[in-house]
Amino acid sequence: MALLTAPLVFLFPIGMPVATLIAVLKVSLSKHPLRSRLLRSLLLAILLTLALGPAIEQNGAGSFALPWWLLLSGSPKHYV
């Protein structure tokens, strides 16, 4: 678990906005009709929230933004 947690502490705050921006640009620049783009955008927002939604871990080392699903396991408290 430490091998997963350690890189995410540093890369997650950078990767989350970059992934969101790339996904939004891809959907908005497509040649599909407006209704299709709106539905795709809604689906994309739901999927990004489920996959990359942040949660803040606060401990003696400081505050860290990590994926919410990683904090549910309770494991980062031991490694960060």
N, C-alpha and C. Protein backbone atom coordinates (compact mmCIF):
# COMPACT_ATOMS: atom_id res chain seq x y z
N MET A 1 0.82 -1.19 0.00
CA MET A 1 0.00 0.00 0.00
C MET A 1 0.87 1.26 0.00
N ALA A 2 2.02 1.18 0.61
CA ALA A 2 2.92 2.34 0.64
C ALA A 2 3.39 2.70 -0.76
N LEU A 3 3.56 1.70 -1.62
CA LEU A 3 3.99 1.97 -2.99
C LEU A 3 2.91 2.72 -3.77
N LEU A 4 1.66 2.56 -3.40
CA LEU A 4 0.57 3.29 -4.04
C LEU A 4 0.39 4.67 -3.41
N THR A 5 0.50 4.73 -2.10
CA THR A 5 0.23 5.98 -1.39
C THR A 5 1.30 7.04 -1.62
N ALA A 6 2.56 6.66 -1.54
CA ALA A 6 3.64 7.65 -1.64
C ALA A 6 3.61 8.45 -2.94
N PRO A 7 3.50 7.82 -4.12
CA PRO A 7 3.43 8.64 -5.34
C PRO A 7 2.16 9.49 -5.43
N LEU A 8 1.04 8.97 -4.92
CA LEU A 8 -0.21 9.72 -5.00
C LEU A 8 -0.18 10.99 -4.17
N VAL A 9 0.57 10.99 -3.08
CA VAL A 9 0.66 12.19 -2.25
C VAL A 9 1.21 13.36 -3.06
N PHE A 10 2.16 13.08 -3.94
CA PHE A 10 2.81 14.14 -4.72
C PHE A 10 2.17 14.33 -6.10
N LEU A 11 1.71 13.26 -6.72
CA LEU A 11 1.21 13.35 -8.09
C LEU A 11 -0.29 13.63 -8.19
N PHE A 12 -1.06 13.22 -7.20
CA PHE A 12 -2.51 13.39 -7.28
C PHE A 12 -2.93 14.85 -7.39
N PRO A 13 -2.39 15.77 -6.55
CA PRO A 13 -2.82 17.17 -6.69
C PRO A 13 -2.47 17.79 -8.04
N ILE A 14 -1.47 17.27 -8.72
CA ILE A 14 -1.11 17.77 -10.04
C ILE A 14 -1.94 17.08 -11.12
N GLY A 15 -2.10 15.78 -11.00
CA GLY A 15 -2.78 14.99 -12.02
C GLY A 15 -4.27 15.21 -12.10
N MET A 16 -4.91 15.49 -10.98
CA MET A 16 -6.36 15.66 -10.97
C MET A 16 -6.81 16.81 -11.86
N PRO A 17 -6.26 18.04 -11.73
CA PRO A 17 -6.71 19.10 -12.62
C PRO A 17 -6.31 18.88 -14.08
N VAL A 18 -5.16 18.27 -14.31
CA VAL A 18 -4.72 18.01 -15.68
C VAL A 18 -5.65 17.01 -16.35
N ALA A 19 -5.99 15.93 -15.66
CA ALA A 19 -6.91 14.94 -16.23
C ALA A 19 -8.28 15.55 -16.49
N THR A 20 -8.75 16.38 -15.60
CA THR A 20 -10.05 17.04 -15.78
C THR A 20 -10.03 17.97 -16.98
N LEU A 21 -8.98 18.77 -17.10
CA LEU A 21 -8.88 19.71 -18.22
C LEU A 21 -8.81 18.98 -19.56
N ILE A 22 -8.03 17.94 -19.64
CA ILE A 22 -7.92 17.16 -20.87
C ILE A 22 -9.27 16.55 -21.24
N ALA A 23 -9.97 15.99 -20.27
CA ALA A 23 -11.26 15.37 -20.54
C ALA A 23 -12.30 16.40 -20.98
N VAL A 24 -12.32 17.56 -20.33
CA VAL A 24 -13.29 18.61 -20.70
C VAL A 24 -13.00 19.13 -22.10
N LEU A 25 -11.74 19.35 -22.43
CA LEU A 25 -11.39 19.82 -23.77
C LEU A 25 -11.74 18.79 -24.83
N LYS A 26 -11.51 17.52 -24.55
CA LYS A 26 -11.83 16.46 -25.51
C LYS A 26 -13.33 16.44 -25.81
N VAL A 27 -14.14 16.56 -24.78
CA VAL A 27 -15.60 16.53 -24.99
C VAL A 27 -16.07 17.81 -25.68
N SER A 28 -15.57 18.96 -25.26
CA SER A 28 -16.08 20.22 -25.80
C SER A 28 -15.64 20.46 -27.24
N LEU A 29 -14.51 19.89 -27.65
CA LEU A 29 -14.03 20.10 -29.01
C LEU A 29 -14.51 19.03 -29.99
N SER A 30 -15.35 18.12 -29.54
CA SER A 30 -15.83 17.07 -30.43
C SER A 30 -16.83 17.66 -31.44
N LYS A 31 -17.08 16.93 -32.49
CA LYS A 31 -17.97 17.39 -33.57
C LYS A 31 -19.40 16.88 -33.40
N HIS A 32 -19.72 16.33 -32.24
CA HIS A 32 -21.06 15.80 -32.00
C HIS A 32 -22.05 16.95 -31.78
N PRO A 33 -23.35 16.67 -31.92
CA PRO A 33 -24.37 17.69 -31.65
C PRO A 33 -24.32 18.14 -30.18
N LEU A 34 -24.89 19.29 -29.93
CA LEU A 34 -24.84 19.90 -28.60
C LEU A 34 -25.44 18.97 -27.54
N ARG A 35 -26.56 18.36 -27.82
CA ARG A 35 -27.19 17.47 -26.83
C ARG A 35 -26.28 16.31 -26.47
N SER A 36 -25.63 15.74 -27.46
CA SER A 36 -24.70 14.64 -27.21
C SER A 36 -23.51 15.11 -26.37
N ARG A 37 -23.00 16.30 -26.66
CA ARG A 37 -21.87 16.83 -25.88
C ARG A 37 -22.27 17.08 -24.44
N LEU A 38 -23.50 17.59 -24.22
CA LEU A 38 -23.97 17.83 -22.86
C LEU A 38 -24.11 16.53 -22.07
N LEU A 39 -24.67 15.51 -22.71
CA LEU A 39 -24.80 14.22 -22.03
C LEU A 39 -23.44 13.60 -21.74
N ARG A 40 -22.53 13.71 -22.69
CA ARG A 40 -21.17 13.20 -22.47
C ARG A 40 -20.48 13.96 -21.35
N SER A 41 -20.69 15.27 -21.29
CA SER A 41 -20.08 16.08 -20.24
C SER A 41 -20.61 15.68 -18.87
N LEU A 42 -21.91 15.42 -18.78
CA LEU A 42 -22.51 15.00 -17.52
C LEU A 42 -21.94 13.65 -17.09
N LEU A 43 -21.86 12.72 -18.01
CA LEU A 43 -21.30 11.41 -17.71
C LEU A 43 -19.83 11.53 -17.31
N LEU A 44 -19.10 12.37 -18.00
CA LEU A 44 -17.69 12.59 -17.69
C LEU A 44 -17.51 13.18 -16.30
N ALA A 45 -18.34 14.14 -15.94
CA ALA A 45 -18.25 14.75 -14.60
C ALA A 45 -18.52 13.71 -13.51
N ILE A 46 -19.49 12.84 -13.74
CA ILE A 46 -19.79 11.79 -12.76
C ILE A 46 -18.62 10.83 -12.63
N LEU A 47 -18.07 10.40 -13.76
CA LEU A 47 -16.95 9.45 -13.72
C LEU A 47 -15.70 10.05 -13.10
N LEU A 48 -15.40 11.32 -13.42
CA LEU A 48 -14.23 11.96 -12.82
C LEU A 48 -14.40 12.14 -11.32
N THR A 49 -15.61 12.46 -10.88
CA THR A 49 -15.85 12.61 -9.45
C THR A 49 -15.68 11.28 -8.73
N LEU A 50 -16.18 10.21 -9.32
CA LEU A 50 -16.04 8.90 -8.70
C LEU A 50 -14.59 8.43 -8.67
N ALA A 51 -13.85 8.71 -9.72
CA ALA A 51 -12.48 8.21 -9.81
C ALA A 51 -11.46 9.12 -9.13
N LEU A 52 -11.64 10.43 -9.26
CA LEU A 52 -10.61 11.37 -8.80
C LEU A 52 -11.05 12.32 -7.70
N GLY A 53 -12.23 12.11 -7.17
CA GLY A 53 -12.70 13.02 -6.12
C GLY A 53 -11.73 13.04 -4.95
N PRO A 54 -11.30 14.21 -4.54
CA PRO A 54 -10.29 14.29 -3.50
C PRO A 54 -10.86 14.21 -2.09
N ALA A 55 -10.04 13.77 -1.20
CA ALA A 55 -10.31 13.82 0.23
C ALA A 55 -9.02 14.27 0.90
N ILE A 56 -9.13 14.98 1.98
CA ILE A 56 -7.95 15.52 2.65
C ILE A 56 -7.58 14.65 3.84
N GLU A 57 -6.35 14.22 3.86
CA GLU A 57 -5.80 13.45 4.98
C GLU A 57 -4.93 14.40 5.80
N GLN A 58 -5.24 14.55 7.07
CA GLN A 58 -4.44 15.41 7.93
C GLN A 58 -3.82 14.55 9.02
N ASN A 59 -2.50 14.64 9.13
CA ASN A 59 -1.81 13.90 10.18
C ASN A 59 -0.58 14.71 10.60
N GLY A 60 0.31 14.10 11.33
CA GLY A 60 1.48 14.79 11.84
C GLY A 60 2.40 15.32 10.77
N ALA A 61 2.38 14.72 9.59
CA ALA A 61 3.24 15.15 8.49
C ALA A 61 2.64 16.30 7.70
N GLY A 62 1.38 16.63 7.93
CA GLY A 62 0.73 17.72 7.20
C GLY A 62 -0.59 17.28 6.60
N SER A 63 -1.08 18.07 5.66
CA SER A 63 -2.33 17.78 4.98
C SER A 63 -2.03 17.32 3.56
N PHE A 64 -2.71 16.28 3.12
CA PHE A 64 -2.49 15.72 1.80
C PHE A 64 -3.83 15.48 1.11
N ALA A 65 -3.90 15.80 -0.17
CA ALA A 65 -5.07 15.48 -0.98
C ALA A 65 -4.82 14.13 -1.62
N LEU A 66 -5.70 13.19 -1.35
CA LEU A 66 -5.61 11.84 -1.90
C LEU A 66 -6.98 11.46 -2.45
N PRO A 67 -7.04 10.46 -3.32
CA PRO A 67 -8.34 10.00 -3.80
C PRO A 67 -9.19 9.52 -2.62
N TRP A 68 -10.47 9.80 -2.65
CA TRP A 68 -11.35 9.44 -1.55
C TRP A 68 -11.35 7.95 -1.30
N TRP A 69 -11.26 7.14 -2.36
CA TRP A 69 -11.33 5.69 -2.20
C TRP A 69 -10.10 5.14 -1.49
N LEU A 70 -8.98 5.84 -1.57
CA LEU A 70 -7.79 5.39 -0.86
C LEU A 70 -7.93 5.66 0.64
N LEU A 71 -8.59 6.73 1.00
CA LEU A 71 -8.78 7.04 2.41
C LEU A 71 -9.79 6.11 3.08
N LEU A 72 -10.70 5.53 2.30
CA LEU A 72 -11.67 4.61 2.88
C LEU A 72 -11.01 3.36 3.45
N SER A 73 -9.89 2.97 2.87
CA SER A 73 -9.21 1.77 3.34
C SER A 73 -8.57 2.00 4.70
N GLY A 74 -8.31 3.25 5.07
CA GLY A 74 -7.69 3.54 6.35
C GLY A 74 -6.20 3.37 6.34
N SER A 75 -5.64 2.82 5.27
CA SER A 75 -4.22 2.53 5.20
C SER A 75 -3.31 3.75 5.14
N PRO A 76 -3.67 4.84 4.45
CA PRO A 76 -2.72 5.96 4.33
C PRO A 76 -2.30 6.54 5.67
N LYS A 77 -3.10 6.38 6.70
CA LYS A 77 -2.74 6.93 7.99
C LYS A 77 -1.44 6.34 8.51
N HIS A 78 -1.14 5.13 8.08
CA HIS A 78 0.06 4.46 8.55
C HIS A 78 1.29 4.80 7.72
N TYR A 79 1.10 5.28 6.50
CA TYR A 79 2.22 5.48 5.59
C TYR A 79 2.56 6.93 5.35
N VAL A 80 1.61 7.83 5.47
CA VAL A 80 1.85 9.23 5.14
C VAL A 80 2.26 9.98 6.37
